[in-house]
Protein backbone atom coordinates (compact mmCIF):
# COMPACT_ATOMS: atom_id res chain seq x y z
CA PRO A 1 45.48 -14.31 18.13
CA SER A 2 47.76 -12.27 15.93
CA VAL A 3 50.57 -12.57 13.41
CA ARG A 4 52.65 -9.43 13.10
CA ILE A 5 56.19 -8.13 13.11
CA ASP A 6 57.77 -6.26 16.00
CA ASP A 7 57.35 -2.79 14.50
CA GLU A 8 59.45 -1.09 17.17
CA LEU A 9 62.34 -3.47 16.52
CA ALA A 10 61.99 -3.00 12.74
CA ALA A 11 62.26 0.78 13.19
CA ARG A 12 65.27 0.33 15.47
CA GLN A 13 66.89 -1.86 12.78
CA ALA A 14 66.31 0.82 10.14
CA VAL A 15 67.45 3.78 12.22
CA GLY A 16 70.31 1.76 13.70
CA HIS A 17 71.63 1.11 10.20
CA LEU A 18 71.63 4.85 9.47
CA ILE A 19 73.45 5.56 12.74
CA ARG A 20 76.04 2.82 12.15
CA ILE A 21 76.98 4.28 8.76
CA GLY A 22 77.52 7.70 10.31
CA HIS A 23 74.29 9.73 10.10
CA THR A 24 73.62 12.08 13.00
CA ARG A 25 70.74 14.15 11.51
CA ILE A 26 68.04 11.58 10.83
CA GLY A 27 64.50 12.50 9.91
CA MET A 28 61.35 10.40 9.92
CA ILE A 29 58.31 10.39 7.69
CA ARG A 30 55.57 8.86 9.80
CA THR A 31 52.12 8.06 8.56
CA VAL A 32 48.56 8.37 9.75
CA ASP A 33 45.31 7.04 8.33
CA PRO A 34 43.02 9.27 6.20
CA GLU A 35 41.24 10.48 9.35
CA GLY A 36 44.58 11.52 10.89
CA ARG A 37 44.74 8.69 13.43
CA SER A 38 47.80 6.61 14.15
CA TRP A 39 47.69 2.82 14.00
CA GLU A 40 49.42 0.42 16.40
CA GLY A 41 52.31 -0.30 14.03
CA ASP A 42 52.86 3.41 13.43
CA ILE A 43 53.05 4.11 17.16
CA ALA A 44 55.57 1.29 17.61
CA ARG A 45 57.69 2.55 14.68
CA VAL A 46 57.73 6.04 16.21
CA ALA A 47 58.87 4.53 19.52
CA GLY A 48 61.64 2.63 17.71
CA PHE A 49 62.80 5.82 15.96
CA HIS A 50 62.91 7.78 19.22
CA GLY A 51 64.52 4.90 21.11
CA ALA A 52 67.32 4.32 18.60
CA LEU A 53 68.17 8.02 18.45
CA ALA A 54 68.01 8.40 22.25
CA ASP A 55 70.33 5.42 22.69
CA ALA A 56 72.81 7.14 20.33
CA GLY A 57 72.41 10.54 22.03
CA LEU A 58 70.96 12.15 18.89
CA ASP A 59 68.14 14.67 18.44
CA ASP A 60 64.83 13.15 17.38
CA ASP A 61 62.70 16.14 16.45
CA CYS A 62 62.99 15.99 12.64
CA ILE A 63 59.59 14.45 11.88
CA ALA A 64 57.00 14.90 9.13
CA THR A 65 53.56 13.36 9.68
CA VAL A 66 51.63 12.62 6.49
CA PRO A 67 48.88 10.33 5.19
CA TRP A 68 50.12 6.88 4.19
CA GLY A 69 51.10 6.31 0.56
CA ILE A 70 53.39 7.49 -2.21
CA GLU A 71 51.85 10.98 -2.23
CA GLY A 72 52.29 11.17 1.53
CA GLY A 73 55.96 10.28 1.13
CA GLU A 74 56.36 13.01 -1.47
CA ARG A 75 54.78 15.57 0.87
CA GLY A 76 56.76 14.33 3.87
CA MET A 77 60.06 14.76 2.07
CA GLU A 78 59.00 18.25 0.93
CA LEU A 79 58.37 19.13 4.59
CA LEU A 80 61.75 17.75 5.70
CA LEU A 81 63.57 19.59 2.89
CA SER A 82 61.88 22.83 4.00
CA ARG A 83 63.50 22.67 7.44
CA ALA A 84 66.52 24.81 8.35
CA ASP A 85 68.25 21.64 9.62
CA VAL A 86 67.70 19.30 6.67
CA PRO A 87 68.50 15.70 7.65
CA THR A 88 71.15 13.64 5.88
CA ALA A 89 69.02 10.50 6.11
CA VAL A 90 65.31 9.72 6.38
CA PHE A 91 63.52 6.74 7.88
CA CYS A 92 60.15 6.15 6.19
CA HIS A 93 57.36 4.13 7.82
CA SER A 94 56.86 2.00 4.70
CA ASP A 95 58.42 1.33 1.33
CA GLU A 96 55.54 3.08 -0.44
CA VAL A 97 56.21 6.23 1.58
CA ALA A 98 59.93 5.88 0.82
CA VAL A 99 59.20 5.68 -2.93
CA GLY A 100 57.32 8.98 -2.66
CA ALA A 101 60.25 10.48 -0.75
CA LEU A 102 62.63 9.30 -3.48
CA ARG A 103 60.45 10.97 -6.14
CA THR A 104 60.63 14.31 -4.33
CA LEU A 105 64.41 14.01 -3.96
CA ARG A 106 64.78 13.23 -7.67
CA ARG A 107 62.63 16.24 -8.60
CA ALA A 108 64.69 18.45 -6.25
CA GLY A 109 67.93 17.29 -7.86
CA ILE A 110 69.21 15.69 -4.65
CA PRO A 111 71.11 12.49 -5.42
CA VAL A 112 70.33 9.34 -3.46
CA PRO A 113 72.27 8.19 -1.53
CA ALA A 114 75.09 10.77 -1.97
CA GLY A 115 72.88 13.73 -0.98
CA MET A 116 70.33 11.91 1.17
CA SER A 117 69.98 8.35 2.41
CA VAL A 118 66.48 6.83 2.53
CA ILE A 119 65.29 3.64 4.23
CA GLY A 120 61.86 2.02 4.52
CA ILE A 121 60.15 -0.97 6.08
CA ASP A 122 58.43 -3.95 4.42
CA ASP A 123 60.57 -5.01 1.43
CA HIS A 124 57.62 -4.47 -0.86
CA PRO A 125 58.34 -5.55 -4.47
CA THR A 126 58.82 -1.90 -5.42
CA ALA A 127 61.69 -1.65 -2.93
CA GLU A 128 63.93 -3.82 -5.10
CA LEU A 129 62.95 -1.88 -8.24
CA ALA A 130 63.77 1.40 -6.50
CA ASP A 131 67.03 -0.03 -5.07
CA LEU A 132 65.64 0.90 -1.65
CA THR A 133 67.34 -0.18 1.56
CA THR A 134 64.60 -1.56 3.79
CA VAL A 135 63.73 -3.83 6.69
CA ARG A 136 62.11 -7.00 5.36
CA GLN A 137 59.07 -8.45 7.01
CA PRO A 138 58.46 -12.07 5.99
CA VAL A 139 55.05 -11.69 4.38
CA ALA A 140 54.82 -15.28 3.09
CA GLU A 141 55.72 -16.67 6.52
CA GLN A 142 53.16 -14.38 8.13
CA GLY A 143 50.51 -15.68 5.72
CA VAL A 144 51.32 -19.31 6.51
CA GLU A 145 51.19 -18.63 10.25
CA ALA A 146 47.91 -16.71 9.94
CA GLY A 147 46.45 -19.62 7.96
CA ARG A 148 47.45 -22.04 10.74
CA VAL A 149 45.79 -19.83 13.33
CA VAL A 150 42.57 -19.66 11.30
CA VAL A 151 42.50 -23.44 10.73
CA ASP A 152 43.02 -24.04 14.46
CA LEU A 153 40.23 -21.63 15.37
CA LEU A 154 37.82 -23.08 12.79
CA SER A 155 38.61 -26.57 14.11
CA GLY A 156 37.79 -25.50 17.66
CA ARG A 157 41.42 -25.70 18.78
CA GLU A 158 43.35 -23.03 20.60
CA PRO A 159 46.27 -21.85 18.41
CA GLU A 160 49.69 -23.06 19.53
CA GLU A 161 50.83 -19.45 19.86
CA ARG A 162 48.49 -16.52 20.55
CA ALA A 163 50.96 -13.99 19.14
CA VAL A 164 53.29 -15.01 16.32
CA VAL A 165 56.09 -12.49 15.75
CA PRO A 166 58.42 -13.58 12.94
CA PRO A 167 61.83 -11.89 12.71
CA THR A 168 62.62 -8.97 10.43
CA HIS A 169 65.99 -8.20 8.90
CA LEU A 170 67.83 -5.39 7.18
CA VAL A 171 68.15 -5.51 3.38
CA VAL A 172 70.87 -3.08 2.28
CA ARG A 173 70.50 -1.74 -1.24
CA GLY A 174 71.62 1.43 -2.97
CA SER A 175 69.58 4.10 -1.15
CA THR A 176 71.83 4.41 1.89
CA THR A 177 75.47 5.34 2.37
CA ARG A 178 77.67 7.34 4.71
CA PRO A 179 76.78 11.05 4.87
CA ALA A 180 78.71 13.36 2.59
CA GLU A 181 80.54 15.10 5.44
CA HIS A 182 82.35 11.84 6.32
């Protein structure tokens, strides 16, 4: 049994938002674990990124792969800013990574969102503090559902649902806007 979001759909929601507001050069900061391996959610988020851009007929080769965390986000944004074709918007695999990306942009003197739009996934408490646009996953609902599954299993009952996938939704804040050339 599992309780999880649809990570591919969450990535499509994030990247779709950037496309709808006019971005055509969208980068991604993806994460790996400390040993350099991808996790299931990461793989699904990569698929969502590629899928959303393919559906829009956009290039999808602007990717930085870094270890998860704020420092990884800082490094990922440094890598994207070092490219000849710097993106106008960046999809980050988590809010923590996005916060690191925002730090690098601030240090580089690039205004957010006027100079670069940034979006994450999770709606971590820091997302609101950073005025970060994100895709919210309902953590409290996931906890309740996971508790139900555990109680059923401990009671010898089969859980009502083997895979619980609560919906995610876009939370627009101040880190995204139309690209400057529009």
